[in-house]
Amino acid sequence: MNTPHYDEEYGDSFWESVAAEFGNEFATLLKQATVITPELKQQVLTAAQQAKTQRKRLISTLNQEAANLQNANAELQSVAVEANVIQSRPFYDCATDELQQLQTDLDELAAQCQNLADRRQNGELEPRSAGGLKTSLRVPDYCYEPLSVTYPVLDAVATVSSCIATTNQRITTILKKNSS
C-alpha cells in the first residue's frame, strides 16, 4: 500500500499506525498479503469492530471523567466560596464565641474537602482506567500527563484545604491572644 503523504500528515508511517492500532502480528500479516482473501477480510473487519468497541469504551470513560470533574469542581467551588467569606471577615472584631463558630465552620469545610479527596481517591469520582485503550492506562496518566500535576482534583482540594487550615490557624492565634 503506497501512502507517501501519511508520514507527513500523521507523524508516523501507515504501517506503524496499523501496528499500534491492531498489533504487530496483524500489521505484518496485512502488509505481507498479496491479495485480500475472505479470511483476511474477516480479520480486518473483526479488528476494526474491536477498535470501534474500544473507542466507544474510551469515549464513555472520558465522558465519565468529564462529569466527575464537573461534580468535583462544583463541590470544591462551593467550599472555596464559603472559605473565602470566612477569610474576608475582620477576626479581631469578633467575639470569642463567634471565632469559635467560625472554627467549627472551617472544620466542616475541611471535612468536605477531605470527603471529596477520599471519594476521588477511592474511585467514586475517578474511573480506574481509560477503558478503551489496549494499554489500560489509568485515567490520570492518559488525561493529565501534559499537566504539571498528575491529580488536578486532589491538587485543587489540597490548595483549598491549605487555605482553610491557614485561616483556622489565624483564628486560633487570635483566640490565644484574647484568652491571655
Protein backbone atom coordinates (compact mmCIF):
# COMPACT_ATOMS: atom_id res chain seq x y z
CA MET A 1 0.00 0.00 0.00
CA ASN A 2 1.57 3.25 -1.13
CA THR A 3 0.89 6.09 1.33
CA PRO A 4 3.70 8.67 0.96
CA HIS A 5 1.62 11.50 2.45
CA TYR A 6 0.73 9.58 5.61
CA ASP A 7 4.01 10.19 7.46
CA GLU A 8 3.88 13.93 6.81
CA GLU A 9 0.28 14.20 7.90
CA TYR A 10 0.31 11.95 10.97
CA GLY A 11 3.94 11.84 12.11
CA ASP A 12 4.38 8.08 11.62
CA SER A 13 4.05 5.63 8.79
CA PHE A 14 0.80 3.96 7.83
CA TRP A 15 2.18 0.60 8.93
CA GLU A 16 3.33 1.99 12.29
CA SER A 17 -0.22 3.21 12.84
CA VAL A 18 -1.70 -0.15 11.84
CA ALA A 19 0.71 -1.92 14.21
CA ALA A 20 -0.14 0.47 17.05
CA GLU A 21 -3.85 0.02 16.45
CA PHE A 22 -4.08 -3.70 15.75
CA GLY A 23 -0.75 -5.16 16.89
CA ASN A 24 2.49 -6.07 15.14
CA GLU A 25 1.36 -9.54 14.11
CA PHE A 26 -1.74 -8.27 12.36
CA ALA A 27 0.15 -5.40 10.68
CA THR A 28 2.77 -7.82 9.37
CA LEU A 29 0.10 -10.21 8.11
CA LEU A 30 -1.70 -7.39 6.33
CA LYS A 31 1.49 -5.89 4.92
CA GLN A 32 2.69 -9.21 3.51
CA ALA A 33 -0.64 -10.11 1.93
CA THR A 34 -0.57 -10.00 -1.85
CA VAL A 35 -4.33 -10.43 -2.10
CA ILE A 36 -7.13 -9.88 0.34
CA THR A 37 -8.64 -13.26 0.94
CA PRO A 38 -12.05 -13.70 2.54
CA GLU A 39 -10.28 -14.80 5.74
CA LEU A 40 -8.06 -11.71 5.76
CA LYS A 41 -11.05 -9.52 5.03
CA GLN A 42 -12.84 -11.07 8.02
CA GLN A 43 -9.80 -10.45 10.22
CA VAL A 44 -9.73 -6.80 9.14
CA LEU A 45 -13.46 -6.43 9.84
CA THR A 46 -13.12 -8.10 13.24
CA ALA A 47 -10.13 -5.93 14.18
CA ALA A 48 -11.99 -2.80 13.05
CA GLN A 49 -15.03 -3.78 15.11
CA GLN A 50 -12.86 -4.37 18.17
CA ALA A 51 -11.21 -0.98 17.66
CA LYS A 52 -14.65 0.63 17.40
CA THR A 53 -15.75 -1.04 20.63
CA GLN A 54 -12.56 0.07 22.40
CA ARG A 55 -13.08 3.64 21.22
CA LYS A 56 -16.65 3.64 22.48
CA ARG A 57 -15.41 2.47 25.90
CA LEU A 58 -12.74 5.15 25.86
CA ILE A 59 -15.27 7.85 24.98
CA SER A 60 -17.54 6.61 27.76
CA THR A 61 -14.64 6.69 30.23
CA LEU A 62 -13.64 10.19 29.16
CA ASN A 63 -17.24 11.41 29.38
CA GLN A 64 -17.44 9.93 32.88
CA GLU A 65 -14.22 11.70 33.83
CA ALA A 66 -15.56 15.00 32.45
CA ALA A 67 -18.73 14.61 34.53
CA ASN A 68 -16.66 13.69 37.60
CA LEU A 69 -14.53 16.81 37.11
CA GLN A 70 -17.64 18.98 36.82
CA ASN A 71 -19.07 17.49 40.02
CA ALA A 72 -15.81 17.85 41.91
CA ASN A 73 -15.39 21.42 40.66
CA ALA A 74 -18.92 22.36 41.77
CA GLU A 75 -18.34 20.90 45.24
CA LEU A 76 -14.93 22.49 45.62
CA GLN A 77 -16.16 25.87 44.34
CA SER A 78 -18.88 25.83 46.98
CA VAL A 79 -16.35 25.08 49.72
CA ALA A 80 -13.92 27.72 48.39
CA VAL A 81 -16.64 30.40 48.31
CA GLU A 82 -17.62 29.66 51.92
CA ALA A 83 -13.97 29.65 52.99
CA ASN A 84 -13.39 32.99 51.25
CA VAL A 85 -16.39 34.51 53.04
CA ILE A 86 -14.91 33.43 56.37
CA GLN A 87 -11.39 34.57 55.42
CA SER A 88 -12.64 38.02 54.46
CA ARG A 89 -14.00 38.74 57.94
CA PRO A 90 -12.13 41.01 60.33
CA PHE A 91 -11.32 38.42 63.00
CA TYR A 92 -10.03 40.88 65.60
CA ASP A 93 -13.50 42.46 65.78
CA CYS A 94 -15.21 39.12 66.51
CA ALA A 95 -16.26 37.88 69.93
CA THR A 96 -14.76 34.64 71.22
CA ASP A 97 -17.91 32.60 70.62
CA GLU A 98 -18.13 33.95 67.09
CA LEU A 99 -14.50 32.97 66.42
CA GLN A 100 -15.19 29.50 67.80
CA GLN A 101 -18.19 29.18 65.48
CA LEU A 102 -16.01 30.24 62.55
CA GLN A 103 -13.56 27.50 63.50
CA THR A 104 -16.41 24.99 63.60
CA ASP A 105 -17.48 26.17 60.15
CA LEU A 106 -13.90 25.85 58.88
CA ASP A 107 -13.67 22.35 60.34
CA GLU A 108 -16.82 21.41 58.40
CA LEU A 109 -15.34 22.85 55.21
CA ALA A 110 -12.11 20.92 55.82
CA ALA A 111 -14.17 17.75 56.29
CA GLN A 112 -15.93 18.42 52.97
CA CYS A 113 -12.53 18.75 51.29
CA GLN A 114 -11.36 15.51 52.87
CA ASN A 115 -14.55 13.77 51.80
CA LEU A 116 -14.08 14.97 48.22
CA ALA A 117 -10.44 13.83 48.24
CA ASP A 118 -11.41 10.45 49.69
CA ARG A 119 -14.15 9.93 47.10
CA ARG A 120 -11.79 10.90 44.29
CA GLN A 121 -9.12 8.50 45.54
CA ASN A 122 -11.43 5.56 46.20
CA GLY A 123 -12.74 5.70 42.65
CA GLU A 124 -16.20 7.13 43.23
CA LEU A 125 -15.13 10.25 41.35
CA GLU A 126 -12.42 8.69 39.19
CA PRO A 127 -12.62 5.92 36.62
CA ARG A 128 -9.88 3.37 37.26
CA SER A 129 -8.57 3.08 33.72
CA ALA A 130 -9.01 4.56 30.28
CA GLY A 131 -11.14 1.58 29.27
CA GLY A 132 -10.76 1.80 25.50
CA LEU A 133 -7.00 1.63 25.37
CA LYS A 134 -5.09 -1.56 24.78
CA THR A 135 -2.53 -0.49 27.36
CA SER A 136 -5.18 0.08 30.07
CA LEU A 137 -3.63 3.36 31.14
CA ARG A 138 -5.05 4.90 34.26
CA VAL A 139 -7.19 7.97 33.60
CA PRO A 140 -4.75 10.40 35.28
CA ASP A 141 -1.90 9.06 33.15
CA TYR A 142 -3.93 9.31 29.95
CA CYS A 143 -5.65 12.64 30.58
CA TYR A 144 -3.24 14.64 32.69
CA GLU A 145 0.24 13.63 31.55
CA PRO A 146 0.95 17.04 29.97
CA LEU A 147 -0.04 18.89 33.15
CA SER A 148 2.32 19.80 35.95
CA VAL A 149 0.20 17.70 38.35
CA THR A 150 -1.00 14.14 37.85
CA TYR A 151 -4.08 14.53 40.02
CA PRO A 152 -5.55 18.00 39.37
CA VAL A 153 -8.63 17.49 41.54
CA LEU A 154 -6.55 16.41 44.52
CA ASP A 155 -4.17 19.31 43.89
CA ALA A 156 -7.09 21.77 43.93
CA VAL A 157 -8.50 20.15 47.07
CA ALA A 158 -5.10 20.45 48.74
CA THR A 159 -4.91 24.14 47.81
CA VAL A 160 -8.35 24.90 49.27
CA SER A 161 -7.61 22.74 52.34
CA SER A 162 -4.39 24.65 52.92
CA CYS A 163 -6.24 27.98 52.82
CA ILE A 164 -8.81 26.63 55.27
CA ALA A 165 -6.06 25.40 57.62
CA THR A 166 -4.25 28.75 57.43
CA THR A 167 -7.44 30.64 58.26
CA ASN A 168 -8.18 28.27 61.12
CA GLN A 169 -4.67 28.83 62.46
CA ARG A 170 -5.13 32.61 62.27
CA ILE A 171 -8.30 32.31 64.33
CA THR A 172 -6.55 30.02 66.85
CA THR A 173 -3.79 32.61 67.25
CA ILE A 174 -6.35 35.36 67.88
CA LEU A 175 -8.23 33.18 70.39
CA LYS A 176 -4.99 32.52 72.28
CA LYS A 177 -4.19 36.25 72.39
CA ASN A 178 -7.73 37.03 73.58
CA SER A 179 -7.53 34.47 76.39
CA SER A 180 -4.22 35.84 77.71
